Amino acid sequence: MNWKGHTILGIIMGLPFLSSPEQIFLVVAGALYPDLDHNVKSEIVKRGIYFSGVLILIDFLVYIFKPQYFDLGLFVGAVSILLIYLIPYFAEHRGITHTFLSLVVISPILGFLAYKLSIISPIIAGIIALIMVTNDKLLGKVIAICVFVWIGVYLIISEVNPLITFQGMYHYIIPIGLGYLSHIVGDSLTPAGCNALYPLNYKFHKKEAVIIMVLWFLVVAYFIWKKNIF
């Protein structure tokens, strides 16, 4: 599945669980992250590794020579960024980044970074998360799609109460995780399948993708019933 398919499927699977328009950027960031293991994304990965490496080095030198200025939060953030890019750097295409294991590792890390950046602005936090996983050629197109959906979500949420609202870091982690899950579903629908249960040697194909979508639908239906919308 190409980036358009992953973006659309991510939006579809994430939309029912959004409580704030800027979360759409996080959903799409999660939907696009797994393909950082692709060769065409190597420039993003290398840039991220260099950037985070420099931040870690600076923080380390500050700790050694000027410990009173050492910022543990900045250090944790830099290490988090490094982990986000190291995993796809050493991965084969449709390897570890296309697994539930990576989903439960990356979603909290990227969500944590977005949560910290939300101090500046929740929208900026979402856009930065998206920039971190999108190459220069696609960035303009992806952001344009997100802005279009963002406007729609804003209009809907202003008229209808969201199905569910996540607080704190979960406000950022859950949308990324849903986007990530949509990527696994999307690639499972392709003939090559997706080794989602790594390290187990079992590939997800259309049957497994349909099961996940049915479960997703049941969860959405439950929250609709709980809200007594119909």
Protein backbone atom coordinates (compact mmCIF):
# COMPACT_ATOMS: atom_id res chain seq x y z
CA MET A 1 0.00 0.00 0.00
CA ASN A 2 1.36 3.46 -0.90
CA TRP A 3 1.43 6.59 1.25
CA LYS A 4 -1.99 7.76 0.03
CA GLY A 5 -3.62 4.49 1.02
CA HIS A 6 -1.95 4.51 4.42
CA THR A 7 -2.94 8.13 5.00
CA ILE A 8 -6.59 7.53 4.08
CA LEU A 9 -6.87 4.28 6.06
CA GLY A 10 -5.19 5.93 9.04
CA ILE A 11 -7.69 8.79 8.97
CA ILE A 12 -10.62 6.37 8.67
CA MET A 13 -9.48 4.24 11.63
CA GLY A 14 -8.47 7.20 13.77
CA LEU A 15 -11.38 9.55 13.11
CA PRO A 16 -13.96 7.99 15.48
CA PHE A 17 -11.53 8.29 18.40
CA LEU A 18 -10.51 11.92 17.92
CA SER A 19 -11.55 14.47 20.52
CA SER A 20 -9.48 17.36 19.17
CA PRO A 21 -8.78 18.35 15.53
CA GLU A 22 -4.97 18.49 15.86
CA GLN A 23 -4.93 14.76 16.65
CA ILE A 24 -5.36 14.10 12.93
CA PHE A 25 -1.68 15.02 12.40
CA LEU A 26 -0.72 12.42 15.02
CA VAL A 27 -2.87 9.73 13.40
CA VAL A 28 -1.20 10.29 10.03
CA ALA A 29 2.26 10.42 11.64
CA GLY A 30 1.57 6.99 13.12
CA ALA A 31 0.25 5.73 9.79
CA LEU A 32 3.40 6.78 7.93
CA TYR A 33 6.09 5.93 10.50
CA PRO A 34 6.47 2.19 9.68
CA ASP A 35 7.69 2.97 6.15
CA LEU A 36 10.73 4.80 7.51
CA ASP A 37 12.43 1.45 6.93
CA HIS A 38 12.11 2.05 3.18
CA ASN A 39 15.20 3.13 1.22
CA VAL A 40 13.53 6.31 -0.03
CA LYS A 41 13.17 7.47 3.59
CA SER A 42 16.82 6.88 4.51
CA GLU A 43 17.60 10.60 4.35
CA ILE A 44 14.99 11.37 7.03
CA VAL A 45 16.33 8.59 9.25
CA LYS A 46 19.96 9.67 8.91
CA ARG A 47 19.05 13.31 9.54
CA GLY A 48 17.12 12.30 12.66
CA ILE A 49 20.02 10.22 13.97
CA TYR A 50 22.52 13.04 13.41
CA PHE A 51 20.24 15.62 15.02
CA SER A 52 19.47 13.53 18.10
CA GLY A 53 23.11 12.46 18.36
CA VAL A 54 24.23 16.09 18.47
CA LEU A 55 21.63 16.88 21.15
CA ILE A 56 22.79 13.93 23.26
CA LEU A 57 26.44 14.96 22.87
CA ILE A 58 25.67 18.55 23.86
CA ASP A 59 23.69 17.38 26.88
CA PHE A 60 26.49 15.02 27.88
CA LEU A 61 29.11 17.78 27.65
CA VAL A 62 26.88 20.11 29.66
CA TYR A 63 26.51 17.40 32.32
CA ILE A 64 30.31 16.98 32.52
CA PHE A 65 31.38 20.61 32.45
CA LYS A 66 28.29 22.58 33.54
CA PRO A 67 26.11 20.14 35.52
CA GLN A 68 23.98 22.96 36.93
CA TYR A 69 22.63 23.56 33.41
CA PHE A 70 21.95 19.90 32.63
CA ASP A 71 18.33 19.31 31.60
CA LEU A 72 17.17 15.73 32.13
CA GLY A 73 14.00 16.36 30.11
CA LEU A 74 16.03 17.47 27.09
CA PHE A 75 18.29 14.44 27.43
CA VAL A 76 15.33 12.04 27.58
CA GLY A 77 13.80 13.78 24.57
CA ALA A 78 17.03 13.45 22.57
CA VAL A 79 17.35 9.75 23.42
CA SER A 80 13.70 9.25 22.46
CA ILE A 81 14.28 10.86 19.05
CA LEU A 82 17.35 8.66 18.54
CA LEU A 83 15.31 5.51 19.27
CA ILE A 84 12.61 6.59 16.82
CA TYR A 85 15.17 6.64 14.00
CA LEU A 86 17.52 3.84 15.07
CA ILE A 87 14.81 1.20 14.77
CA PRO A 88 14.04 1.84 11.06
CA TYR A 89 17.75 2.47 10.34
CA PHE A 90 18.60 -1.16 11.15
CA ALA A 91 15.33 -2.64 9.89
CA GLU A 92 14.58 -4.29 6.57
CA HIS A 93 11.53 -3.11 4.65
CA ARG A 94 8.37 -4.54 6.24
CA GLY A 95 10.55 -5.78 9.07
CA ILE A 96 10.49 -4.77 12.73
CA THR A 97 8.75 -1.43 12.09
CA HIS A 98 5.74 -3.30 10.72
CA THR A 99 5.05 -5.17 13.96
CA PHE A 100 2.92 -4.82 17.08
CA LEU A 101 6.16 -4.82 19.07
CA SER A 102 7.30 -1.65 17.33
CA LEU A 103 3.81 -0.17 17.67
CA VAL A 104 3.86 -0.46 21.48
CA VAL A 105 7.40 0.97 21.62
CA ILE A 106 7.18 3.82 19.11
CA SER A 107 3.67 5.11 19.86
CA PRO A 108 4.49 6.07 23.49
CA ILE A 109 7.85 7.58 22.50
CA LEU A 110 6.48 9.72 19.67
CA GLY A 111 3.42 10.52 21.79
CA PHE A 112 5.66 11.61 24.67
CA LEU A 113 7.58 13.96 22.39
CA ALA A 114 4.35 15.43 21.00
CA TYR A 115 3.03 15.82 24.55
CA LYS A 116 6.12 17.79 25.57
CA LEU A 117 5.93 19.93 22.42
CA SER A 118 2.26 20.66 23.08
CA ILE A 119 3.41 23.22 25.65
CA ILE A 120 4.18 25.40 22.62
CA SER A 121 0.99 24.46 20.76
CA PRO A 122 -0.91 21.16 20.29
CA ILE A 123 -1.19 21.85 16.55
CA ILE A 124 2.53 22.56 16.22
CA ALA A 125 3.26 19.38 18.21
CA GLY A 126 1.20 17.32 15.75
CA ILE A 127 2.77 18.94 12.70
CA ILE A 128 6.30 18.39 14.06
CA ALA A 129 5.49 14.72 14.70
CA LEU A 130 4.32 14.46 11.09
CA ILE A 131 7.41 16.24 9.76
CA MET A 132 9.60 13.77 11.66
CA VAL A 133 8.29 10.83 9.61
CA THR A 134 7.56 12.34 6.18
CA ASN A 135 10.04 13.02 3.40
CA ASP A 136 10.31 16.42 1.75
CA LYS A 137 8.56 15.36 -1.48
CA LEU A 138 5.42 14.15 0.29
CA LEU A 139 5.30 16.58 3.20
CA GLY A 140 3.33 19.32 1.42
CA LYS A 141 0.74 16.85 0.11
CA VAL A 142 0.35 15.08 3.45
CA ILE A 143 -0.04 18.31 5.42
CA ALA A 144 -2.59 19.58 2.87
CA ILE A 145 -4.69 16.43 3.38
CA CYS A 146 -4.38 16.74 7.15
CA VAL A 147 -5.39 20.41 7.13
CA PHE A 148 -8.45 19.60 5.00
CA VAL A 149 -9.50 16.84 7.41
CA TRP A 150 -8.59 19.06 10.39
CA ILE A 151 -11.12 21.65 9.22
CA GLY A 152 -13.78 18.96 8.84
CA VAL A 153 -13.03 17.48 12.27
CA TYR A 154 -13.12 20.94 13.83
CA LEU A 155 -16.58 21.59 12.38
CA ILE A 156 -17.87 18.17 13.47
CA ILE A 157 -16.47 18.29 17.01
CA SER A 158 -17.88 21.78 17.51
CA GLU A 159 -21.36 20.34 16.86
CA VAL A 160 -21.08 16.79 18.25
CA ASN A 161 -19.49 15.48 21.43
CA PRO A 162 -16.56 13.11 20.72
CA LEU A 163 -17.07 9.39 21.34
CA ILE A 164 -14.17 9.29 23.78
CA THR A 165 -11.65 11.75 25.20
CA PHE A 166 -8.13 10.76 26.21
CA GLN A 167 -6.29 12.84 28.79
CA GLY A 168 -2.63 13.72 29.29
CA MET A 169 -0.09 11.82 27.22
CA TYR A 170 -2.77 9.38 26.04
CA HIS A 171 -4.26 12.28 24.07
CA TYR A 172 -1.15 11.99 21.87
CA ILE A 173 -0.20 8.32 22.20
CA ILE A 174 -3.56 6.78 21.22
CA PRO A 175 -3.94 8.60 17.85
CA ILE A 176 -0.39 7.63 16.89
CA GLY A 177 -1.08 4.03 17.89
CA LEU A 178 -4.30 3.95 15.85
CA GLY A 179 -2.48 5.31 12.82
CA TYR A 180 0.27 2.74 13.32
CA LEU A 181 -2.31 -0.05 13.58
CA SER A 182 -3.91 1.11 10.33
CA HIS A 183 -0.55 0.74 8.57
CA ILE A 184 -0.25 -2.87 9.72
CA VAL A 185 -3.81 -3.51 8.53
CA GLY A 186 -3.11 -1.85 5.18
CA ASP A 187 0.02 -3.86 4.47
CA SER A 188 -1.70 -7.06 5.61
CA LEU A 189 -4.19 -6.54 2.78
CA THR A 190 -1.39 -6.72 0.19
CA PRO A 191 -0.17 -10.03 -1.32
CA ALA A 192 3.17 -9.77 0.54
CA GLY A 193 1.41 -9.59 3.89
CA CYS A 194 2.86 -8.24 7.13
CA ASN A 195 4.91 -10.04 9.79
CA ALA A 196 3.03 -8.21 12.55
CA LEU A 197 3.68 -10.77 15.30
CA TYR A 198 7.49 -10.68 15.07
CA PRO A 199 9.50 -12.42 16.49
CA LEU A 200 6.93 -15.13 15.72
CA ASN A 201 7.17 -16.28 12.12
CA TYR A 202 3.52 -15.68 11.23
CA LYS A 203 2.38 -13.27 8.55
CA PHE A 204 -0.84 -11.31 8.59
CA HIS A 205 -2.81 -11.38 5.36
CA LYS A 206 -6.30 -10.37 4.29
CA LYS A 207 -8.04 -12.65 6.83
CA GLU A 208 -6.19 -11.13 9.79
CA ALA A 209 -6.70 -7.61 8.45
CA VAL A 210 -10.45 -8.21 8.20
CA ILE A 211 -10.53 -9.55 11.77
CA ILE A 212 -8.80 -6.40 13.05
CA MET A 213 -11.22 -4.20 11.10
CA VAL A 214 -14.21 -6.10 12.52
CA LEU A 215 -12.84 -5.65 16.05
CA TRP A 216 -12.25 -1.96 15.32
CA PHE A 217 -15.84 -1.62 14.10
CA LEU A 218 -17.18 -3.34 17.22
CA VAL A 219 -15.21 -0.98 19.47
CA VAL A 220 -16.56 2.03 17.56
CA ALA A 221 -20.09 0.61 17.75
CA TYR A 222 -19.69 0.11 21.51
CA PHE A 223 -18.70 3.73 22.09
CA ILE A 224 -21.56 4.92 19.86
CA TRP A 225 -23.97 2.77 21.90
CA LYS A 226 -22.45 4.00 25.16
CA LYS A 227 -22.95 7.60 24.05
CA ASN A 228 -26.52 6.70 23.09
CA ILE A 229 -26.11 8.58 19.79
CA PHE A 230 -28.77 6.59 17.96
